Protein backbone atom coordinates (compact mmCIF):
# COMPACT_ATOMS: atom_id res chain seq x y z
CA MET A 1 11.37 20.67 7.31
CA ASP A 2 9.33 17.72 6.15
CA LEU A 3 7.58 18.03 2.79
CA ILE A 4 5.20 15.19 2.03
CA LEU A 5 3.99 14.96 -1.57
CA TRP A 6 0.78 12.95 -2.00
CA ARG A 7 -0.48 12.44 -5.53
CA HIS A 8 -4.26 12.18 -5.76
CA ALA A 9 -5.68 8.68 -5.97
CA GLU A 10 -7.12 7.14 -9.14
CA ALA A 11 -9.71 9.38 -10.79
CA LEU A 12 -12.15 9.25 -13.68
CA GLU A 13 -10.64 9.74 -17.12
CA MET A 14 -11.01 13.15 -18.75
CA ARG A 15 -13.34 11.71 -21.41
CA GLU A 16 -15.84 10.94 -18.63
CA VAL A 17 -16.28 14.59 -17.51
CA GLN A 18 -16.53 18.06 -19.01
CA ASP A 19 -14.01 19.87 -16.81
CA ASP A 20 -10.70 18.48 -15.55
CA LEU A 21 -11.22 20.10 -12.13
CA ASP A 22 -14.45 18.09 -11.73
CA ARG A 23 -12.85 14.65 -12.14
CA ALA A 24 -13.84 12.54 -9.13
CA LEU A 25 -12.12 9.53 -7.61
CA THR A 26 -13.09 6.10 -8.84
CA SER A 27 -14.11 3.49 -6.28
CA LYS A 28 -10.54 2.13 -6.52
CA GLY A 29 -9.27 5.67 -5.93
CA GLU A 30 -11.45 6.01 -2.83
CA ARG A 31 -9.92 2.80 -1.44
CA GLN A 32 -6.40 4.02 -2.31
CA ALA A 33 -7.02 7.35 -0.60
CA GLN A 34 -8.38 5.71 2.54
CA ARG A 35 -5.45 3.27 2.81
CA MET A 36 -2.89 6.05 2.41
CA ALA A 37 -4.81 8.31 4.80
CA ASN A 38 -4.77 5.59 7.45
CA TRP A 39 -1.01 5.20 7.03
CA LEU A 40 -0.39 8.95 6.99
CA ASN A 41 -2.48 9.51 10.11
CA ARG A 42 -0.23 7.05 11.96
CA GLN A 43 2.93 8.86 10.73
CA LEU A 44 2.12 12.57 10.56
CA PRO A 45 2.52 14.89 13.54
CA ALA A 46 -0.67 16.67 14.61
CA SER A 47 0.97 19.97 13.62
CA THR A 48 1.18 19.00 9.93
CA ARG A 49 -0.20 21.68 7.60
CA VAL A 50 -2.21 20.16 4.73
CA LEU A 51 -2.41 21.98 1.38
CA VAL A 52 -4.64 20.67 -1.39
CA SER A 53 -5.24 21.39 -5.07
CA PRO A 54 -8.70 22.79 -5.87
CA ALA A 55 -9.36 19.78 -8.16
CA ARG A 56 -12.16 17.55 -6.92
CA ARG A 57 -10.00 14.38 -7.01
CA CYS A 58 -7.43 16.03 -4.71
CA GLN A 59 -10.09 17.37 -2.37
CA GLN A 60 -11.56 13.84 -2.11
CA THR A 61 -8.11 12.31 -1.55
CA ALA A 62 -7.35 14.79 1.25
CA ALA A 63 -10.80 14.34 2.83
CA ALA A 64 -9.88 10.73 3.60
CA LEU A 65 -7.41 12.09 6.19
CA ASP A 66 -10.24 13.61 8.22
CA ARG A 67 -8.03 16.62 9.04
CA LYS A 68 -8.43 20.29 8.31
CA PHE A 69 -6.82 21.36 5.05
CA LYS A 70 -6.38 24.49 3.00
CA THR A 71 -7.13 24.67 -0.71
CA ALA A 72 -4.15 26.20 -2.53
CA PRO A 73 -4.79 27.43 -6.10
CA ALA A 74 -1.03 27.14 -6.81
CA LEU A 75 -1.46 23.36 -6.60
CA ALA A 76 -3.99 23.16 -9.46
CA PRO A 77 -3.23 20.76 -12.34
CA ASP A 78 -1.40 23.51 -14.24
CA GLY A 79 0.75 24.39 -11.21
CA THR A 80 4.52 24.72 -11.14
CA VAL A 81 7.32 23.48 -8.93
CA HIS A 82 7.96 27.07 -7.82
CA GLY A 83 4.27 27.50 -6.93
CA LEU A 84 4.23 24.27 -4.93
CA LEU A 85 7.39 25.13 -2.99
CA HIS A 86 6.18 28.68 -2.35
CA ALA A 87 2.79 27.45 -1.05
CA ALA A 88 4.57 24.95 1.23
CA ARG A 89 7.02 27.67 2.40
CA TRP A 90 9.92 25.37 1.54
CA PRO A 91 12.40 25.18 3.20
CA ASP A 92 11.42 27.62 5.95
CA ALA A 93 8.16 26.20 7.32
CA ARG A 94 8.38 25.24 10.97
CA GLU A 95 5.81 22.47 10.68
CA PRO A 96 5.64 19.48 8.31
CA VAL A 97 3.66 20.21 5.15
CA LEU A 98 1.57 17.65 3.27
CA VAL A 99 0.76 18.64 -0.31
CA VAL A 100 -2.01 16.81 -2.20
CA GLY A 101 -1.59 17.44 -5.91
CA HIS A 102 -0.90 16.26 -9.43
CA GLN A 103 1.56 14.89 -11.87
CA PRO A 104 3.76 16.08 -13.45
CA VAL A 105 4.53 18.75 -10.84
CA MET A 106 4.86 16.21 -7.99
CA GLY A 107 7.58 14.31 -9.84
CA LEU A 108 9.22 17.52 -11.05
CA ALA A 109 9.34 18.86 -7.47
CA ALA A 110 10.79 15.62 -6.08
CA ALA A 111 13.45 15.61 -8.80
CA TYR A 112 14.26 19.28 -8.25
CA LEU A 113 14.74 18.80 -4.52
CA LEU A 114 16.62 15.50 -4.71
CA ALA A 115 18.60 15.90 -7.95
CA GLY A 116 18.88 19.67 -8.28
CA GLN A 117 16.82 20.03 -11.45
CA PRO A 118 13.23 19.32 -12.44
CA GLN A 119 13.00 16.03 -14.31
CA PRO A 120 9.91 14.04 -15.32
CA TRP A 121 9.96 11.56 -12.43
CA ALA A 122 6.84 9.41 -12.13
CA VAL A 123 4.78 9.49 -8.94
CA ARG A 124 2.13 6.78 -8.91
CA LYS A 125 -1.52 7.57 -8.28
CA GLY A 126 -2.20 7.70 -4.56
CA ALA A 127 1.50 7.45 -3.64
CA VAL A 128 3.38 9.50 -1.06
CA TRP A 129 6.94 10.82 -1.36
CA TRP A 130 8.22 12.09 2.01
CA LEU A 131 11.18 14.46 1.78
CA ARG A 132 13.09 15.90 4.70
CA GLY A 133 15.27 19.00 4.54
CA ARG A 134 17.85 19.23 7.29
CA GLU A 135 21.14 20.81 8.17
CA ARG A 136 23.97 18.37 8.81
CA ASP A 137 27.56 19.40 9.54
CA GLY A 138 26.79 22.93 8.35
CA GLU A 139 25.34 21.80 5.00
CA TRP A 140 21.73 21.68 3.86
CA GLN A 141 20.63 18.18 2.82
CA ILE A 142 17.48 16.74 1.32
CA VAL A 143 16.76 13.19 2.45
CA LEU A 144 14.23 10.86 0.89
CA HIS A 145 12.50 9.70 4.06
CA ALA A 146 9.92 7.38 2.45
CA VAL A 147 8.14 6.48 -0.78
CA VAL A 148 4.95 4.53 -0.21
CA ALA A 149 2.32 3.34 -2.69
CA PRO A 150 -1.25 2.52 -1.64
CA GLU A 151 -0.71 -1.16 -2.46
CA LEU A 152 1.99 -1.36 0.23
CA VAL A 153 -0.05 -0.19 3.22
């Protein structure tokens, strides 16, 4: 199973809005989202399921893909690694799953899957971490397939 973690692009600071869920992308964030969406659309299979936090900045980031997506409350800013993995149906989903969400849970999930315990790994704004779960020689492995920042595409 492929699990692609996409942190939302750059957004307004909390001091600029009343409610964290209403924080919108900045113009830089809109450019980041579009660059990553262009790259992702060249890489992702058509069957990819897209799950998105209800936060406005995540909804805007995902909209750049121009694909159907499902809003998943478990991916809200206060979400957990368990909630993210459950929503993605890790490791049992048949199709690749792209999750658009937040720090710190994105870094915690990557660390949990790659290192066996949640650790505060940093995932840059607008960046993608592509993880692949596979069976090899009778053992389950997690492979870091790609890490891409918006500045690199």
